[in-house]
Structure formats: C-alpha cells, structure tokens
Amino acid sequence: MILISHRGNVDTINLDRENTLEYIDSAIDKGYDVEIDLRKVDDKLYLGHDTPDNAVDYEWLLKRKDKLWIHVKDISAFCFCLNKQLRYFFHENERHTLISNGVIWSHDLNEATEQSIIPLIKDKITKKQLEKYKNVYGICSDYVAHYREIMNN
C-alpha cells in the first residue's frame, strides 16, 4: 500500500503551507507520494485548492512525476495534462474516478478495491480501523506519518 501526502501534509493540516513547492518536496523527501491541486490560468500553471496560489512549471512537475498524483481543478489544467508524462485525475462528486495510470480514486470507501486509492483526508483512524482497508492500492491523507507508524507496528 502506498501512502500519499495530501497537498504536502504528513502529520497535520497546514493550510498556509499545503500545495507549496517546498512543502511538497519535504513530503517527497520523507518518502511519500503527494496529491497536489493543479490549475491553469492565462497559460500559466499554479498549485492551489480553491485558487491559483503558487506558480509552478511543467519541468518541476515532470521531475517529480513518479511521486505526484495531480488533481486537476479546471478544464485548462486537464487539457494541459493530456498527452503529458504526468499522472492526473479530475473529480467533483463522483464516487470513483479513473486516474490516468489506470488506478481508481475511490471516495466511496465501501466499494474500494485493491486498485483504489482512498482519501482518508482529515481522519486519523486506528490500526484496527485501518485493517478494513489493508488491501487498497493506497491512502491519501493529511496524516500519512500516522499511517506509516501504525502499519510498521
């Protein structure tokens, strides 16, 4: 099972730092993949959940492509990612969304499979609760350090 940092968060929610280049690199340096939010405005790329906050370029994304799970937030970012060597997905309220590499982003945790990444974004569950999801492909969370710790004990 892979552990994916939600916007760079590894052990808490830090709204001021998430989706910043340094914060994402810090999570990658700690051994995590990272889910990021990508937007495209006026032919420029930005990271940011609700707004285009932090400028980023394609080379930065490409250098980290094996560690990034790119949540495209608008049609311009979606079109940009098409035919690029990036792993990306788009969703709004769907229970399941196909990621460009064939893995499934599953918001319906009751239907998660071994091909699913599940977002336990703002939750910190126990080892016993985690057992229910032991066969999923991955977990995305603001608390991936917590999950790494309980999985290793």
Foldseek 3Di string as FASTA:
>chain_A
DAEEEEQLFAAADDPVPGVELVSCVVSVVVPHAYEWEWEADPNWIATDDPDRDHTDDPVSCVVRQVRYEYEYDDPVVVVVCPPPSHWYWYDDPDQWTAIPVGAIDGDPVVPAALSYEYEPADDQDALVVCVSVVNHVYYYYSHNVSVVVRVVD
